[in-house]
N, C-alpha and C. Protein backbone atom coordinates (compact mmCIF):
# COMPACT_ATOMS: atom_id res chain seq x y z
N MET A 1 31.63 -72.24 82.81
CA MET A 1 32.75 -71.81 81.98
C MET A 1 33.27 -72.99 81.16
N MET A 2 33.78 -72.69 79.99
CA MET A 2 34.54 -73.69 79.24
C MET A 2 36.00 -73.46 79.58
N ILE A 3 36.65 -74.51 80.05
CA ILE A 3 38.03 -74.41 80.53
C ILE A 3 38.90 -75.43 79.80
N MET A 4 39.93 -74.92 79.12
CA MET A 4 40.89 -75.82 78.48
C MET A 4 41.87 -76.34 79.51
N ILE A 5 42.11 -77.63 79.45
CA ILE A 5 43.11 -78.26 80.31
C ILE A 5 44.40 -78.32 79.50
N SER A 6 45.43 -77.66 79.99
CA SER A 6 46.67 -77.56 79.24
C SER A 6 47.83 -78.03 80.11
N GLY A 7 48.63 -78.91 79.55
CA GLY A 7 49.77 -79.44 80.28
C GLY A 7 50.57 -80.34 79.37
N PRO A 8 51.51 -81.08 79.92
CA PRO A 8 52.34 -81.95 79.10
C PRO A 8 51.53 -83.00 78.33
N TYR A 9 51.84 -83.13 77.07
CA TYR A 9 51.31 -84.20 76.24
C TYR A 9 52.49 -85.00 75.68
N ARG A 10 53.31 -84.37 74.85
CA ARG A 10 54.51 -85.02 74.33
C ARG A 10 55.73 -84.77 75.20
N SER A 11 55.73 -83.68 75.92
CA SER A 11 56.90 -83.26 76.69
C SER A 11 57.41 -84.36 77.60
N GLY A 12 58.70 -84.56 77.58
CA GLY A 12 59.34 -85.53 78.45
C GLY A 12 59.10 -86.98 78.08
N THR A 13 58.54 -87.24 76.90
CA THR A 13 58.19 -88.61 76.52
C THR A 13 59.14 -89.21 75.48
N ASN A 14 59.93 -88.37 74.82
CA ASN A 14 60.73 -88.83 73.68
C ASN A 14 59.84 -89.53 72.66
N ASP A 15 58.58 -89.07 72.60
CA ASP A 15 57.54 -89.58 71.71
C ASP A 15 57.21 -91.07 71.95
N ASP A 16 57.46 -91.54 73.15
CA ASP A 16 57.08 -92.91 73.54
C ASP A 16 55.56 -92.94 73.73
N GLU A 17 54.88 -93.80 72.98
CA GLU A 17 53.41 -93.83 72.99
C GLU A 17 52.82 -94.11 74.37
N ALA A 18 53.45 -94.95 75.15
CA ALA A 18 52.94 -95.25 76.49
C ALA A 18 53.02 -94.03 77.40
N LEU A 19 54.12 -93.29 77.29
CA LEU A 19 54.27 -92.09 78.11
C LEU A 19 53.32 -90.98 77.66
N ILE A 20 53.12 -90.87 76.35
CA ILE A 20 52.16 -89.90 75.83
C ILE A 20 50.77 -90.24 76.35
N LYS A 21 50.42 -91.51 76.35
CA LYS A 21 49.12 -91.96 76.87
C LYS A 21 48.97 -91.60 78.34
N THR A 22 50.04 -91.76 79.11
CA THR A 22 50.00 -91.39 80.53
C THR A 22 49.72 -89.90 80.68
N ASN A 23 50.36 -89.08 79.84
CA ASN A 23 50.12 -87.64 79.88
C ASN A 23 48.68 -87.30 79.49
N LEU A 24 48.16 -87.97 78.46
CA LEU A 24 46.77 -87.73 78.06
C LEU A 24 45.81 -88.14 79.18
N ASP A 25 46.09 -89.25 79.82
CA ASP A 25 45.27 -89.68 80.96
C ASP A 25 45.24 -88.62 82.05
N ASN A 26 46.38 -87.98 82.31
CA ASN A 26 46.46 -86.94 83.32
C ASN A 26 45.63 -85.71 82.90
N LEU A 27 45.72 -85.32 81.65
CA LEU A 27 44.90 -84.22 81.15
C LEU A 27 43.41 -84.55 81.34
N GLU A 28 43.05 -85.78 81.02
CA GLU A 28 41.65 -86.18 81.10
C GLU A 28 41.15 -86.31 82.54
N ARG A 29 42.01 -86.74 83.45
CA ARG A 29 41.62 -86.78 84.87
C ARG A 29 41.31 -85.37 85.37
N ASN A 30 42.13 -84.43 84.96
CA ASN A 30 41.88 -83.04 85.34
C ASN A 30 40.62 -82.51 84.67
N ALA A 31 40.37 -82.92 83.44
CA ALA A 31 39.14 -82.51 82.76
C ALA A 31 37.92 -83.02 83.52
N TYR A 32 37.98 -84.23 84.01
CA TYR A 32 36.87 -84.78 84.78
C TYR A 32 36.62 -83.97 86.05
N GLU A 33 37.69 -83.56 86.70
CA GLU A 33 37.54 -82.75 87.92
C GLU A 33 36.92 -81.39 87.61
N VAL A 34 37.27 -80.81 86.47
CA VAL A 34 36.66 -79.55 86.05
C VAL A 34 35.17 -79.77 85.78
N PHE A 35 34.85 -80.88 85.15
CA PHE A 35 33.45 -81.24 84.91
C PHE A 35 32.68 -81.36 86.22
N LEU A 36 33.28 -82.02 87.21
CA LEU A 36 32.62 -82.19 88.50
C LEU A 36 32.36 -80.85 89.18
N LYS A 37 33.14 -79.84 88.85
CA LYS A 37 32.94 -78.51 89.43
C LYS A 37 31.83 -77.75 88.70
N GLY A 38 31.24 -78.38 87.68
CA GLY A 38 30.11 -77.77 86.98
C GLY A 38 30.46 -77.01 85.72
N HIS A 39 31.68 -77.22 85.21
CA HIS A 39 32.13 -76.50 84.03
C HIS A 39 32.29 -77.48 82.86
N THR A 40 32.55 -76.93 81.69
CA THR A 40 32.78 -77.73 80.50
C THR A 40 34.28 -77.79 80.22
N PRO A 41 34.89 -78.96 80.42
CA PRO A 41 36.33 -79.07 80.15
C PRO A 41 36.60 -79.31 78.67
N MET A 42 37.78 -78.90 78.24
CA MET A 42 38.21 -79.14 76.87
C MET A 42 39.69 -79.52 76.90
N VAL A 43 40.01 -80.61 76.24
CA VAL A 43 41.40 -81.03 76.05
C VAL A 43 41.66 -80.93 74.55
N GLY A 44 42.64 -80.16 74.15
CA GLY A 44 42.89 -79.92 72.74
C GLY A 44 43.08 -81.19 71.93
N GLU A 45 43.68 -82.19 72.54
CA GLU A 45 43.93 -83.45 71.83
C GLU A 45 42.63 -84.16 71.45
N TRP A 46 41.55 -83.88 72.17
CA TRP A 46 40.26 -84.49 71.81
C TRP A 46 39.84 -84.11 70.40
N LEU A 47 40.21 -82.93 69.97
CA LEU A 47 39.90 -82.49 68.60
C LEU A 47 41.08 -82.72 67.66
N ALA A 48 42.28 -82.50 68.16
CA ALA A 48 43.46 -82.59 67.29
C ALA A 48 43.72 -84.01 66.79
N LEU A 49 43.64 -84.99 67.67
CA LEU A 49 44.02 -86.35 67.28
C LEU A 49 43.18 -86.91 66.13
N PRO A 50 41.85 -86.80 66.17
CA PRO A 50 41.09 -87.30 65.01
C PRO A 50 41.37 -86.52 63.73
N LEU A 51 41.57 -85.21 63.85
CA LEU A 51 41.88 -84.41 62.67
C LEU A 51 43.21 -84.83 62.06
N MET A 52 44.19 -85.09 62.92
CA MET A 52 45.51 -85.51 62.42
C MET A 52 45.41 -86.85 61.70
N THR A 53 44.60 -87.75 62.23
CA THR A 53 44.41 -89.05 61.58
C THR A 53 43.78 -88.88 60.21
N ILE A 54 42.71 -88.10 60.14
CA ILE A 54 42.02 -87.87 58.87
C ILE A 54 42.94 -87.19 57.86
N ALA A 55 43.79 -86.29 58.34
CA ALA A 55 44.69 -85.54 57.46
C ALA A 55 45.90 -86.37 57.02
N GLY A 56 46.07 -87.58 57.58
CA GLY A 56 47.13 -88.45 57.12
C GLY A 56 48.41 -88.44 57.91
N SER A 57 48.37 -87.95 59.15
CA SER A 57 49.57 -88.00 59.98
C SER A 57 49.99 -89.45 60.17
N LYS A 58 51.28 -89.69 60.02
CA LYS A 58 51.81 -91.06 60.14
C LYS A 58 52.52 -91.30 61.46
N GLU A 59 53.01 -90.20 62.09
CA GLU A 59 53.71 -90.35 63.36
C GLU A 59 53.69 -89.03 64.12
N VAL A 60 53.83 -89.15 65.41
CA VAL A 60 53.86 -87.98 66.28
C VAL A 60 54.98 -87.05 65.81
N GLY A 61 54.63 -85.78 65.62
CA GLY A 61 55.62 -84.78 65.26
C GLY A 61 55.87 -84.62 63.78
N ASP A 62 55.14 -85.38 62.93
CA ASP A 62 55.36 -85.19 61.50
C ASP A 62 54.72 -83.87 61.05
N GLU A 63 54.88 -83.54 59.78
CA GLU A 63 54.42 -82.24 59.27
C GLU A 63 52.91 -82.06 59.47
N VAL A 64 52.13 -83.10 59.18
CA VAL A 64 50.68 -83.00 59.36
C VAL A 64 50.34 -82.77 60.83
N TYR A 65 50.97 -83.54 61.68
CA TYR A 65 50.76 -83.41 63.14
C TYR A 65 51.00 -81.97 63.57
N ASN A 66 52.14 -81.42 63.18
CA ASN A 66 52.51 -80.07 63.60
C ASN A 66 51.61 -79.00 63.00
N SER A 67 51.03 -79.26 61.83
CA SER A 67 50.17 -78.27 61.20
C SER A 67 48.80 -78.20 61.87
N ILE A 68 48.48 -79.17 62.71
CA ILE A 68 47.17 -79.22 63.37
C ILE A 68 47.27 -79.03 64.88
N SER A 69 48.23 -79.64 65.51
CA SER A 69 48.30 -79.72 66.97
C SER A 69 48.15 -78.37 67.68
N TYR A 70 49.05 -77.46 67.46
CA TYR A 70 49.00 -76.17 68.16
C TYR A 70 47.93 -75.25 67.58
N PRO A 71 47.79 -75.19 66.25
CA PRO A 71 46.74 -74.30 65.73
C PRO A 71 45.34 -74.62 66.25
N ILE A 72 44.99 -75.89 66.37
CA ILE A 72 43.64 -76.21 66.86
C ILE A 72 43.49 -75.80 68.32
N ALA A 73 44.53 -75.98 69.10
CA ALA A 73 44.47 -75.56 70.51
C ALA A 73 44.21 -74.07 70.61
N HIS A 74 44.87 -73.29 69.78
CA HIS A 74 44.72 -71.85 69.86
C HIS A 74 43.37 -71.39 69.32
N ARG A 75 42.81 -72.13 68.37
CA ARG A 75 41.45 -71.83 67.92
C ARG A 75 40.44 -72.15 69.02
N ILE A 76 40.64 -73.26 69.69
CA ILE A 76 39.74 -73.65 70.78
C ILE A 76 39.75 -72.57 71.86
N LEU A 77 40.93 -72.05 72.17
CA LEU A 77 41.05 -71.04 73.22
C LEU A 77 40.17 -69.83 72.96
N ARG A 78 39.93 -69.51 71.71
CA ARG A 78 39.07 -68.36 71.38
C ARG A 78 37.64 -68.56 71.86
N ASN A 79 37.29 -69.81 72.20
CA ASN A 79 35.94 -70.13 72.65
C ASN A 79 35.90 -70.52 74.13
N CYS A 80 37.01 -70.38 74.81
CA CYS A 80 37.10 -70.75 76.23
C CYS A 80 37.02 -69.51 77.11
N ASP A 81 36.71 -69.79 78.37
CA ASP A 81 36.69 -68.74 79.39
C ASP A 81 37.96 -68.75 80.23
N GLY A 82 38.67 -69.89 80.20
CA GLY A 82 39.86 -70.01 81.01
C GLY A 82 40.69 -71.21 80.62
N VAL A 83 41.84 -71.30 81.26
CA VAL A 83 42.78 -72.41 81.05
C VAL A 83 43.21 -72.91 82.42
N LEU A 84 43.19 -74.23 82.58
CA LEU A 84 43.81 -74.86 83.74
C LEU A 84 45.16 -75.37 83.27
N ARG A 85 46.22 -74.72 83.72
CA ARG A 85 47.59 -75.13 83.35
C ARG A 85 48.06 -76.09 84.42
N ILE A 86 48.06 -77.38 84.07
CA ILE A 86 48.49 -78.38 85.05
C ILE A 86 50.01 -78.46 85.07
N ALA A 87 50.54 -79.02 86.13
CA ALA A 87 51.98 -79.05 86.36
C ALA A 87 52.70 -79.87 85.31
N GLY A 88 53.95 -79.49 85.09
CA GLY A 88 54.83 -80.23 84.21
C GLY A 88 55.35 -79.36 83.08
N ALA A 89 56.59 -79.61 82.71
CA ALA A 89 57.22 -78.85 81.63
C ALA A 89 56.50 -79.12 80.32
N SER A 90 56.15 -78.05 79.61
CA SER A 90 55.50 -78.19 78.32
C SER A 90 55.54 -76.85 77.59
N ASN A 91 56.31 -76.79 76.52
CA ASN A 91 56.36 -75.56 75.72
C ASN A 91 55.00 -75.25 75.12
N GLY A 92 54.29 -76.29 74.66
CA GLY A 92 52.97 -76.10 74.07
C GLY A 92 51.98 -75.54 75.08
N ALA A 93 51.98 -76.08 76.30
CA ALA A 93 51.08 -75.59 77.33
C ALA A 93 51.44 -74.17 77.74
N ASP A 94 52.73 -73.88 77.78
CA ASP A 94 53.15 -72.51 78.09
C ASP A 94 52.65 -71.55 77.01
N LYS A 95 52.70 -71.97 75.75
CA LYS A 95 52.20 -71.14 74.66
C LYS A 95 50.68 -70.98 74.78
N ASP A 96 49.98 -72.04 75.17
CA ASP A 96 48.54 -71.93 75.39
C ASP A 96 48.23 -70.84 76.41
N VAL A 97 49.00 -70.80 77.48
CA VAL A 97 48.79 -69.79 78.52
C VAL A 97 49.05 -68.39 77.96
N GLU A 98 50.09 -68.24 77.16
CA GLU A 98 50.37 -66.94 76.53
C GLU A 98 49.19 -66.49 75.68
N VAL A 99 48.69 -67.41 74.86
CA VAL A 99 47.55 -67.08 74.00
C VAL A 99 46.33 -66.74 74.85
N ALA A 100 46.10 -67.54 75.88
CA ALA A 100 44.95 -67.29 76.77
C ALA A 100 45.05 -65.91 77.42
N LYS A 101 46.23 -65.56 77.88
CA LYS A 101 46.42 -64.23 78.49
C LYS A 101 46.13 -63.13 77.47
N SER A 102 46.59 -63.32 76.25
CA SER A 102 46.36 -62.30 75.21
C SER A 102 44.88 -62.15 74.90
N LEU A 103 44.11 -63.19 75.15
CA LEU A 103 42.66 -63.16 74.94
C LEU A 103 41.89 -62.71 76.18
N GLY A 104 42.63 -62.47 77.27
CA GLY A 104 41.99 -62.03 78.51
C GLY A 104 41.29 -63.13 79.27
N LEU A 105 41.69 -64.37 79.05
CA LEU A 105 41.07 -65.50 79.73
C LEU A 105 41.63 -65.67 81.14
N GLN A 106 40.86 -66.32 81.98
CA GLN A 106 41.32 -66.63 83.32
C GLN A 106 42.33 -67.77 83.25
N ILE A 107 43.39 -67.67 84.04
CA ILE A 107 44.41 -68.70 84.10
C ILE A 107 44.36 -69.32 85.49
N PHE A 108 44.17 -70.62 85.52
CA PHE A 108 44.15 -71.37 86.78
C PHE A 108 45.37 -72.29 86.79
N THR A 109 46.01 -72.41 87.94
CA THR A 109 47.15 -73.32 88.05
C THR A 109 46.87 -74.46 89.01
N HIS A 110 45.69 -74.46 89.58
CA HIS A 110 45.29 -75.55 90.49
C HIS A 110 43.78 -75.67 90.46
N LEU A 111 43.29 -76.88 90.57
CA LEU A 111 41.85 -77.11 90.55
C LEU A 111 41.11 -76.31 91.61
N ASN A 112 41.73 -76.11 92.78
CA ASN A 112 41.02 -75.41 93.85
C ASN A 112 40.81 -73.93 93.53
N GLN A 113 41.44 -73.41 92.49
CA GLN A 113 41.23 -72.03 92.08
C GLN A 113 39.96 -71.86 91.23
N ILE A 114 39.45 -72.97 90.73
CA ILE A 114 38.28 -72.94 89.87
C ILE A 114 37.03 -73.00 90.76
N PRO A 115 36.16 -72.01 90.63
CA PRO A 115 34.97 -72.01 91.48
C PRO A 115 34.00 -73.12 91.10
N ASN A 116 33.25 -73.59 92.08
CA ASN A 116 32.18 -74.54 91.81
C ASN A 116 31.04 -73.80 91.13
N ASN A 117 30.43 -74.42 90.17
CA ASN A 117 29.31 -73.84 89.45
C ASN A 117 28.09 -74.70 89.71
N ASP A 118 27.59 -74.61 90.91
CA ASP A 118 26.45 -75.45 91.32
C ASP A 118 25.14 -74.87 90.90
């Protein structure tokens, strides 16, 4: 399965780059665990961040950033089989789950809910 890892990225950071990096590291640690279970993990920021740079985003939350961040995540979801919603307050991650549900995708809230694909 292709599984999007969704959770806090900017939430709770006040756009502090070090805290955002910590959140991205957490998303990526979970992506690695999904990979170890035999699935293909996807973190929306892996696609969004380079696109935002190319499009000329100057800072987190600017107009360019906002025009790419959520839309790319929702496009990615159309190609996923499920979402792993990791813990932590995040309006964006909550919206990802809403979109995933509307697409009929599986929603996981813990790694142990994801089956091994050996």
